[in-house]
Protein backbone atom coordinates (compact mmCIF):
# COMPACT_ATOMS: atom_id res chain seq x y z
CA UNK A 1 -15.82 -9.55 -30.52
CA UNK A 2 -16.26 -13.39 -29.36
CA UNK A 3 -12.88 -13.32 -27.37
CA UNK A 4 -14.06 -10.20 -25.37
CA UNK A 5 -17.62 -11.47 -24.86
CA UNK A 6 -15.76 -15.24 -23.71
CA UNK A 7 -13.24 -13.56 -21.40
CA UNK A 8 -16.09 -10.85 -20.03
CA UNK A 9 -18.56 -14.03 -19.36
CA UNK A 10 -15.66 -16.06 -17.19
CA UNK A 11 -14.82 -12.74 -15.34
CA UNK A 12 -18.75 -12.06 -14.48
CA UNK A 13 -19.11 -15.91 -13.72
CA UNK A 14 -15.92 -16.04 -11.53
CA UNK A 15 -16.86 -12.91 -9.86
CA UNK A 16 -20.31 -13.92 -8.95
CA UNK A 17 -19.16 -17.36 -7.48
CA UNK A 18 -16.86 -15.80 -5.41
CA UNK A 19 -19.23 -13.60 -4.15
CA UNK A 20 -21.33 -16.71 -3.25
CA UNK A 21 -19.13 -18.36 -1.83
CA UNK A 22 -17.46 -15.88 0.43
CA UNK A 23 -20.76 -14.64 1.71
CA UNK A 24 -21.81 -18.45 2.38
CA UNK A 25 -18.32 -18.72 4.09
CA UNK A 26 -18.91 -15.73 6.22
CA UNK A 27 -22.19 -16.51 7.16
CA UNK A 28 -21.01 -20.18 8.43
CA UNK A 29 -18.03 -18.88 10.24
CA UNK A 30 -20.27 -16.01 11.83
CA UNK A 31 -22.73 -18.95 13.07
CA UNK A 32 -19.77 -21.54 14.08
CA UNK A 33 -17.88 -19.13 16.36
CA UNK A 34 -20.96 -17.49 17.73
CA UNK A 35 -20.25 -13.71 16.55
CA UNK A 36 -17.53 -11.91 14.62
CA UNK A 37 -15.78 -14.33 12.68
CA UNK A 38 -11.79 -14.20 13.34
CA UNK A 39 -9.10 -14.57 10.67
CA UNK A 40 -5.33 -14.85 12.09
CA UNK A 41 -5.97 -13.34 14.91
CA UNK A 42 -8.14 -9.96 13.40
CA UNK A 43 -11.95 -9.39 13.23
CA UNK A 44 -13.84 -7.05 11.61
CA UNK A 45 -16.39 -4.63 13.52
CA UNK A 46 -18.69 -2.01 13.01
CA UNK A 47 -18.85 1.31 14.10
CA UNK A 48 -22.46 2.10 15.06
CA UNK A 49 -21.65 5.59 16.38
CA UNK A 50 -19.82 9.15 15.93
CA UNK A 51 -17.71 8.94 19.44
CA UNK A 52 -14.24 8.26 17.43
CA UNK A 53 -15.09 10.62 14.56
CA UNK A 54 -13.45 12.12 12.72
CA UNK A 55 -10.92 9.27 12.54
CA UNK A 56 -13.58 6.50 12.34
CA UNK A 57 -16.55 7.22 10.66
CA UNK A 58 -19.90 5.73 11.68
CA UNK A 59 -20.88 2.95 9.48
CA UNK A 60 -17.51 2.38 8.94
CA UNK A 61 -16.06 -1.02 9.17
CA UNK A 62 -12.80 -1.17 11.16
CA UNK A 63 -9.93 -4.08 11.61
CA UNK A 64 -9.31 -4.97 15.08
CA UNK A 65 -6.51 -7.52 16.66
CA UNK A 66 -7.68 -9.62 19.28
CA UNK A 67 -5.30 -9.49 22.18
CA UNK A 68 -4.04 -12.36 24.41
CA UNK A 69 -4.06 -12.13 28.35
CA UNK A 70 -0.37 -10.61 28.25
CA UNK A 71 -0.93 -8.20 25.63
CA UNK A 72 -3.66 -6.81 27.50
CA UNK A 73 -1.68 -4.68 30.35
CA UNK A 74 0.96 -3.74 27.91
CA UNK A 75 -1.35 -1.13 26.36
CA UNK A 76 -0.38 2.35 26.39
CA UNK A 77 -2.05 5.95 25.93
CA UNK A 78 -3.27 6.72 22.33
CA UNK A 79 -4.00 3.00 21.57
CA UNK A 80 -7.87 2.69 20.46
CA UNK A 81 -8.78 -0.40 21.84
CA UNK A 82 -12.24 -2.28 21.78
CA UNK A 83 -13.58 -2.97 25.36
CA UNK A 84 -16.62 -4.63 27.25
CA UNK A 85 -18.77 -2.46 29.01
CA UNK A 86 -20.58 -3.82 31.84
CA UNK A 87 -23.72 -4.39 30.09
CA UNK A 88 -21.49 -6.85 27.15
CA UNK A 89 -21.68 -3.85 24.78
CA UNK A 90 -18.40 -3.40 22.58
CA UNK A 91 -16.86 0.05 22.88
CA UNK A 92 -13.72 1.38 20.62
CA UNK A 93 -12.15 4.50 22.40
CA UNK A 94 -8.68 5.98 22.69
CA UNK A 95 -6.79 5.19 26.11
CA UNK A 96 -5.97 8.61 27.54
CA UNK A 97 -4.29 7.54 31.03
CA UNK A 98 -3.05 4.16 32.28
CA UNK A 99 -3.54 3.41 36.03
CA UNK A 100 -2.24 0.29 37.96
CA UNK A 101 -4.55 -1.75 40.08
CA UNK A 102 -4.40 -5.05 42.41
CA UNK A 103 -6.42 -6.56 39.45
CA UNK A 104 -3.67 -5.24 36.77
CA UNK A 105 -3.35 -2.51 34.39
CA UNK A 106 -6.83 0.08 34.28
CA UNK A 107 -7.34 2.01 31.21
CA UNK A 108 -9.12 5.75 31.16
CA UNK A 109 -10.81 6.43 27.85
CA UNK A 110 -12.36 8.46 25.74
CA UNK A 111 -13.86 8.88 22.34
CA UNK A 112 -12.00 11.22 20.12
CA UNK A 113 -15.41 13.13 19.74
CA UNK A 114 -16.87 13.06 23.39
CA UNK A 115 -16.23 15.98 25.41
CA UNK A 116 -15.42 14.05 28.62
CA UNK A 117 -13.76 10.69 29.49
CA UNK A 118 -15.69 7.63 29.61
CA UNK A 119 -17.34 7.12 32.61
CA UNK A 120 -15.47 3.82 34.17
CA UNK A 121 -11.96 2.71 33.95
CA UNK A 122 -11.68 -0.32 32.00
CA UNK A 123 -9.99 -3.44 33.31
CA UNK A 124 -7.28 -4.95 31.15
CA UNK A 125 -9.13 -8.09 31.49
CA UNK A 126 -12.15 -6.53 29.67
CA UNK A 127 -10.31 -5.51 26.39
CA UNK A 128 -11.02 -7.25 23.72
CA UNK A 129 -8.65 -5.87 20.56
CA UNK A 130 -6.54 -3.20 19.80
CA UNK A 131 -7.61 -0.94 16.76
CA UNK A 132 -5.07 -1.64 13.59
CA UNK A 133 -5.74 1.53 11.90
CA UNK A 134 -7.49 0.33 8.68
CA UNK A 135 -10.89 1.43 8.11
CA UNK A 136 -13.35 0.66 5.10
CA UNK A 137 -15.75 3.82 5.48
CA UNK A 138 -19.66 3.27 4.92
CA UNK A 139 -19.37 -0.55 4.65
CA UNK A 140 -20.69 -0.76 8.47
CA UNK A 141 -24.12 -0.10 6.94
CA UNK A 142 -24.06 -2.56 4.93
CA UNK A 143 -22.98 -5.48 7.27
CA UNK A 144 -25.11 -4.44 9.96
CA UNK A 145 -28.00 -5.01 7.51
CA UNK A 146 -26.58 -8.28 6.37
CA UNK A 147 -26.63 -9.28 10.25
CA UNK A 148 -30.07 -9.26 10.24
CA UNK A 149 -32.68 -11.73 9.67
CA UNK A 150 -33.65 -10.25 6.38
CA UNK A 151 -30.33 -9.09 5.33
CA UNK A 152 -28.86 -12.33 5.95
CA UNK A 153 -31.41 -14.07 4.23
CA UNK A 154 -30.94 -11.12 1.14
CA UNK A 155 -27.52 -11.82 0.91
CA UNK A 156 -27.52 -15.41 0.68
CA UNK A 157 -30.36 -15.23 -2.39
CA UNK A 158 -28.96 -12.38 -4.02
CA UNK A 159 -26.05 -13.84 -5.48
CA UNK A 160 -27.81 -17.23 -6.78
CA UNK A 161 -30.38 -14.35 -8.31
CA UNK A 162 -27.63 -12.92 -10.17
CA UNK A 163 -25.99 -16.02 -10.79
CA UNK A 164 -29.46 -17.38 -12.24
CA UNK A 165 -30.41 -14.19 -14.33
CA UNK A 166 -26.59 -14.01 -15.83
CA UNK A 167 -27.05 -17.47 -17.17
CA UNK A 168 -30.12 -16.57 -18.70
CA UNK A 169 -28.68 -13.50 -20.38
CA UNK A 170 -25.87 -15.62 -21.67
CA UNK A 171 -28.02 -18.66 -22.75
CA UNK A 172 -30.36 -15.97 -24.58
CA UNK A 173 -27.21 -14.63 -26.43
CA UNK A 174 -25.91 -18.01 -27.56
CA UNK A 175 -29.21 -19.18 -28.85
CA UNK A 176 -29.65 -15.72 -30.76
CA UNK A 177 -25.87 -16.09 -32.16
CA UNK A 178 -27.01 -19.53 -33.06
CA UNK A 179 -30.12 -18.28 -34.78
CA UNK A 180 -28.04 -15.73 -36.54
CA UNK A 181 -25.48 -18.08 -37.82
CA UNK A 182 -28.14 -20.74 -39.00
CA UNK A 183 -30.50 -17.90 -41.05
CA UNK A 184 -26.83 -16.86 -42.41
CA UNK A 185 -25.93 -20.73 -43.39
CA UNK A 186 -29.67 -20.56 -44.89
CA UNK A 187 -29.54 -17.26 -46.81
CA UNK A 188 -25.99 -18.81 -48.19
CA UNK A 189 -27.33 -21.76 -49.56
CA UNK A 190 -30.40 -19.75 -51.52
């Protein structure tokens, strides 16, 4: 029983420490990069609308690959891209047609769940990334909350509170065990 408790103690402590360090690291990377953190050319984006359902659900987090300038002109029909709209809004839609212009490729896009194509073609220069086909459903709701002022505070404080609470429980159990051992020793002496 002691071995199981000791093993469980190490596992829970490790998980809480990794969670605390990960959240703190993610918050620091986001602040330092002035936006979404990028690791090895990949970013996580939260899906805020149902325009790409059923393939990409609202509230999902998707993995997108940041594109270099030369890659932006080589996209093809069927690729799902993330691009900047005129008001700096990021949109992820599928390319349904490619046209060439003096400024490079122009992409005609459409959300899979939308009735019609997007109003304006997308200049290759406005393409940010391409969708890599990896989606984590519903995590985007948590990510959106974490990016809010209250959420960031909660996700920084929550792991600390969990660690303090877990430490309190562990200390209480150890004290009880020591008390029981002391009582057993005194009972044997009598």
